[in-house]
Amino acid sequence: MKLTLYTRPTCSDCQQAKKYLKEESIPYTEIDLSNQPDKEGELRAVTGTGIVPAFVFSKQLFFGIKVKRDVYIGFERNEAAVRKLSQAIKSG
């Protein structure tokens, strides 16, 4: 399972999420939309919105042919689910 985190530097919820991931040593790929505005369309395609932070947990199924995604918008209101899936990444 992989985690992609869409963020903006002015987003306090994003900073809180990144702090948690760093403290727990959870590997993730950050897409900072202020540095990568071309990824805005990707964010909207995956989540249906432009709101950050957006957590996209991806898992390859069927020999890499199909991808299952769990998407959560916001850290504070989805903290329990994000923590659970993040720990699954950490434990392998």
Foldseek 3Di string as FASTA:
>chain_A
DAKEWEEEPVDPLSVVVVVVCVVVVQDHHYDHCVVVVVCQVVCCVVPVDNADGKIWDWDAPDVNPDIDIDIDHTCPVCVVVVVVVSVVRVVD
